Amino acid sequence: MARKVTPKNDETEVLVKGARRCAFCFYLLGDLNEKLGQLAHIDHDHSNSCEANLAFLCMEHHSLYDAKTSQHKNYTESELKRAKAALEAAIAAKQHFNLPQPPRSIGRRKPKLNVVYNIGQCTWSVGGRMRPDGKMDKMMQIGFWAIITSNADEPLVLLEAYPEGTELEMSNFGQTLPPKRPTRMMIHAFVLPIIGKIGESLRTRFIIKDQYGRVYYTPKGNFRWISSGIEKQPD
């Protein structure tokens, strides 16, 4: 039979009475959530598009209902009529308004990091990175033992640590900070630009980043420069 356009009034009645809920999802699974779907012809006759012969089904159930196979027992017309009637009764009783609300996402509180104390003194030296042409790019090398704590309720993976006013070039830093427990760790990185001179003291603080991209700042401290012995180019 030729497919006919479904009358708008009949289409609207089916959608409103079923509130765009799938008749089979509700009848078989008790699911009253809104679905993406289509209007199914209960008697499979697409020329019969009156309201009584239409039911709203999700895409999956519509495909299964219209499928022709001998491998399993298909959904029957009687089942769909009962499912449609049960769904419309539930919608009329406004049961779809009493669904449990999805849990609200709770934003993680930004942890507060605290450098309890430094073990020894932070050292700053001029290091380098070898280029393909055999020459060396000068960078500032930092080394810094510390005890760090966090008030977070979750472990933090600290991925980067570098002094304020510089940019990280290379680092072997990447350690897990357990929640609410002091942890001894070594901050070690190469940064640019070079700030300060050998023999000078320097007052600065560290910028620390975790696996969520959050940024923390340590308290400012006084540090000293030392020479690494590799700041000179070889002859």
Protein backbone atom coordinates (compact mmCIF):
# COMPACT_ATOMS: atom_id res chain seq x y z
CA MET A 1 0.00 0.00 0.00
CA ALA A 2 1.19 3.53 -0.69
CA ARG A 3 2.53 5.48 2.26
CA LYS A 4 0.35 8.43 3.15
CA VAL A 5 1.22 11.54 5.08
CA THR A 6 0.10 11.26 8.68
CA PRO A 7 -2.59 13.83 9.50
CA LYS A 8 -1.13 16.51 11.75
CA ASN A 9 -3.99 16.30 14.26
CA ASP A 10 -3.54 12.53 14.69
CA GLU A 11 0.24 12.90 14.97
CA THR A 12 -0.10 15.62 17.60
CA GLU A 13 -2.57 13.59 19.68
CA VAL A 14 -0.22 10.59 19.80
CA LEU A 15 2.80 12.71 20.72
CA VAL A 16 0.94 14.68 23.40
CA LYS A 17 -0.82 11.69 25.00
CA GLY A 18 2.46 9.73 25.10
CA ALA A 19 4.65 12.76 25.89
CA ARG A 20 7.28 11.40 23.49
CA ARG A 21 7.87 8.37 25.69
CA CYS A 22 8.40 5.00 24.01
CA ALA A 23 5.44 2.68 24.59
CA PHE A 24 7.61 -0.46 24.68
CA CYS A 25 10.32 1.14 26.89
CA PHE A 26 7.61 1.86 29.46
CA TYR A 27 5.64 -1.39 29.05
CA LEU A 28 8.68 -3.68 29.17
CA LEU A 29 11.18 -1.74 31.28
CA GLY A 30 9.21 0.87 33.23
CA ASP A 31 11.25 3.58 31.50
CA LEU A 32 9.42 6.92 31.38
CA ASN A 33 12.31 9.04 30.11
CA GLU A 34 11.82 11.09 26.94
CA LYS A 35 13.16 9.38 23.82
CA LEU A 36 14.19 10.17 20.29
CA GLY A 37 11.79 8.15 18.18
CA GLN A 38 9.19 7.77 15.45
CA LEU A 39 5.51 7.03 14.98
CA ALA A 40 4.93 3.34 14.33
CA HIS A 41 1.89 1.95 12.48
CA ILE A 42 0.44 -0.69 14.79
CA ASP A 43 -1.04 -2.82 11.95
CA HIS A 44 2.03 -2.17 9.73
CA ASP A 45 -0.26 -0.54 7.16
CA HIS A 46 1.32 2.81 6.33
CA SER A 47 -1.83 3.99 4.58
CA ASN A 48 -3.70 3.70 7.90
CA SER A 49 -2.46 6.74 9.81
CA CYS A 50 -5.33 7.40 12.15
CA GLU A 51 -4.53 8.06 15.83
CA ALA A 52 -5.72 4.62 16.96
CA ASN A 53 -3.20 2.95 14.64
CA LEU A 54 -0.19 5.05 15.70
CA ALA A 55 2.19 4.62 18.64
CA PHE A 56 5.38 6.47 19.53
CA LEU A 57 8.42 4.16 19.74
CA CYS A 58 12.12 4.79 20.24
CA MET A 59 14.33 4.14 17.23
CA GLU A 60 15.44 0.71 18.44
CA HIS A 61 11.97 -0.58 19.31
CA HIS A 62 10.53 0.81 16.08
CA SER A 63 13.15 -1.07 14.06
CA LEU A 64 12.49 -4.28 16.00
CA TYR A 65 8.72 -3.90 15.65
CA ASP A 66 8.89 -3.48 11.88
CA ALA A 67 11.56 -6.16 11.36
CA LYS A 68 10.56 -9.36 9.60
CA THR A 69 12.46 -12.39 10.78
CA SER A 70 11.83 -16.04 11.52
CA GLN A 71 14.67 -16.22 14.02
CA HIS A 72 12.67 -14.91 16.98
CA LYS A 73 9.13 -14.00 17.95
CA ASN A 74 8.49 -10.39 16.95
CA TYR A 75 6.51 -7.93 19.04
CA THR A 76 2.80 -8.32 18.23
CA GLU A 77 0.10 -5.78 17.46
CA SER A 78 -1.74 -6.74 20.66
CA GLU A 79 1.36 -6.08 22.73
CA LEU A 80 1.84 -2.64 21.20
CA LYS A 81 -1.81 -1.71 21.73
CA ARG A 82 -1.54 -2.66 25.42
CA ALA A 83 1.78 -0.84 25.73
CA LYS A 84 0.31 2.31 24.18
CA ALA A 85 -2.73 2.21 26.49
CA ALA A 86 -0.56 1.68 29.58
CA LEU A 87 1.77 4.52 28.58
CA GLU A 88 -1.05 6.99 27.96
CA ALA A 89 -2.57 6.12 31.35
CA ALA A 90 0.79 6.73 33.06
CA ILE A 91 1.23 10.06 31.28
CA ALA A 92 -2.33 11.11 32.15
CA ALA A 93 -1.49 10.34 35.81
CA LYS A 94 1.67 12.50 35.39
CA GLN A 95 3.94 9.66 36.50
CA HIS A 96 6.66 11.02 34.22
CA PHE A 97 6.87 14.09 36.48
CA ASN A 98 7.86 11.94 39.47
CA LEU A 99 11.06 10.50 38.04
CA PRO A 100 14.13 10.72 40.32
CA GLN A 101 16.31 13.67 39.45
CA PRO A 102 19.80 12.89 38.14
CA PRO A 103 22.54 13.51 40.71
CA ARG A 104 24.00 16.98 40.60
CA SER A 105 27.64 17.17 39.76
CA ILE A 106 29.62 18.45 42.70
CA GLY A 107 32.56 20.60 41.74
CA ARG A 108 35.86 19.64 43.29
CA ARG A 109 37.15 22.12 45.79
CA LYS A 110 40.47 23.58 44.74
CA PRO A 111 42.95 22.09 47.20
CA LYS A 112 45.29 24.26 49.18
CA LEU A 113 48.93 23.22 48.94
CA ASN A 114 51.28 23.98 51.78
CA VAL A 115 55.07 23.73 51.66
CA VAL A 116 55.81 22.71 55.24
CA TYR A 117 59.57 23.21 54.96
CA ASN A 118 62.46 22.96 52.55
CA ILE A 119 65.09 20.30 53.12
CA GLY A 120 68.28 22.27 52.73
CA GLN A 121 68.38 25.21 50.37
CA CYS A 122 67.02 25.41 46.87
CA THR A 123 69.85 25.48 44.34
CA TRP A 124 69.79 27.34 41.03
CA SER A 125 72.38 26.74 38.38
CA VAL A 126 72.97 27.27 34.68
CA GLY A 127 72.35 24.09 32.75
CA GLY A 128 71.94 23.35 29.11
CA ARG A 129 70.28 21.38 26.34
CA MET A 130 72.32 20.04 23.44
CA ARG A 131 71.13 21.10 19.99
CA PRO A 132 71.47 18.97 16.83
CA ASP A 133 74.31 21.25 15.67
CA GLY A 134 76.35 20.31 18.74
CA LYS A 135 75.89 23.61 20.56
CA MET A 136 74.12 23.99 23.88
CA ASP A 137 71.14 26.15 24.80
CA LYS A 138 71.56 27.65 28.25
CA MET A 139 68.73 27.11 30.70
CA MET A 140 68.29 27.60 34.40
CA GLN A 141 68.27 24.38 36.38
CA ILE A 142 66.45 24.18 39.70
CA GLY A 143 66.58 21.58 42.45
CA PHE A 144 64.44 21.79 45.55
CA TRP A 145 63.62 19.22 48.25
CA ALA A 146 60.43 19.98 50.17
CA ILE A 147 57.72 18.56 52.38
CA ILE A 148 54.32 19.35 50.81
CA THR A 149 50.81 18.73 52.13
CA SER A 150 47.34 19.22 50.66
CA ASN A 151 43.86 19.57 52.14
CA ALA A 152 42.35 17.67 49.17
CA ASP A 153 40.18 14.57 49.64
CA GLU A 154 41.78 12.94 46.59
CA PRO A 155 45.33 12.19 45.46
CA LEU A 156 46.90 14.91 43.34
CA VAL A 157 49.43 14.23 40.62
CA LEU A 158 51.71 17.25 40.55
CA LEU A 159 52.87 17.55 36.95
CA GLU A 160 54.81 20.80 36.82
CA ALA A 161 56.71 23.01 39.22
CA TYR A 162 58.78 26.02 38.23
CA PRO A 163 59.71 29.41 39.68
CA GLU A 164 57.46 32.36 39.11
CA GLY A 165 58.59 34.53 36.20
CA THR A 166 59.92 31.61 34.14
CA GLU A 167 58.54 29.04 31.71
CA LEU A 168 59.08 25.30 32.05
CA GLU A 169 61.24 23.70 29.34
CA MET A 170 61.94 20.21 30.69
CA SER A 171 61.11 18.44 33.93
CA ASN A 172 61.26 15.02 35.56
CA PHE A 173 58.64 16.21 38.01
CA GLY A 174 55.44 14.21 38.26
CA GLN A 175 54.64 12.78 41.66
CA THR A 176 51.47 11.78 43.45
CA LEU A 177 50.60 13.73 46.56
CA PRO A 178 48.41 11.61 48.89
CA PRO A 179 45.43 13.41 50.45
CA LYS A 180 46.07 15.21 53.73
CA ARG A 181 49.46 13.65 54.37
CA PRO A 182 52.92 15.25 54.29
CA THR A 183 54.99 14.02 51.35
CA ARG A 184 58.71 14.52 50.76
CA MET A 185 59.45 15.22 47.11
CA MET A 186 62.10 16.65 44.83
CA ILE A 187 61.26 19.44 42.40
CA HIS A 188 63.71 19.35 39.51
CA ALA A 189 63.35 21.20 36.20
CA PHE A 190 64.97 23.29 33.47
CA VAL A 191 63.39 26.68 32.82
CA LEU A 192 63.80 29.86 30.77
CA PRO A 193 64.73 32.67 30.92
CA ILE A 194 67.77 32.67 33.16
CA ILE A 195 67.18 35.03 36.07
CA GLY A 196 69.81 36.16 38.55
CA LYS A 197 73.57 35.66 38.64
CA ILE A 198 75.85 33.16 40.31
CA GLY A 199 76.46 34.17 43.90
CA GLU A 200 73.29 36.24 44.16
CA SER A 201 70.43 35.46 46.47
CA LEU A 202 66.94 35.26 45.00
CA ARG A 203 63.52 35.58 46.58
CA THR A 204 60.72 33.87 44.67
CA ARG A 205 57.99 31.24 44.86
CA PHE A 206 57.07 28.16 42.85
CA ILE A 207 54.09 27.64 40.57
CA ILE A 208 52.73 24.09 40.78
CA LYS A 209 50.17 22.47 38.43
CA ASP A 210 48.19 19.25 38.92
CA GLN A 211 46.53 16.76 36.58
CA TYR A 212 43.35 18.86 36.42
CA GLY A 213 45.20 21.93 35.18
CA ARG A 214 44.78 23.70 38.51
CA VAL A 215 47.50 26.11 39.59
CA TYR A 216 48.90 26.66 43.09
CA TYR A 217 51.59 28.95 44.50
CA THR A 218 54.04 28.13 47.26
CA PRO A 219 55.01 30.79 49.80
CA LYS A 220 57.93 32.99 48.78
CA GLY A 221 61.36 31.97 50.00
CA ASN A 222 64.98 33.09 49.78
CA PHE A 223 67.25 30.97 47.59
CA ARG A 224 70.83 31.13 46.38
CA TRP A 225 72.62 30.64 43.09
CA ILE A 226 75.42 28.11 42.59
CA SER A 227 77.47 27.23 39.53
CA SER A 228 76.86 23.87 37.88
CA GLY A 229 80.15 23.98 36.02
CA ILE A 230 78.55 23.47 32.61
CA GLU A 231 77.74 27.04 31.77
CA LYS A 232 80.83 27.37 29.56
CA GLN A 233 80.81 26.12 25.98
CA PRO A 234 83.46 23.50 25.16
CA ASP A 235 86.38 24.70 23.00
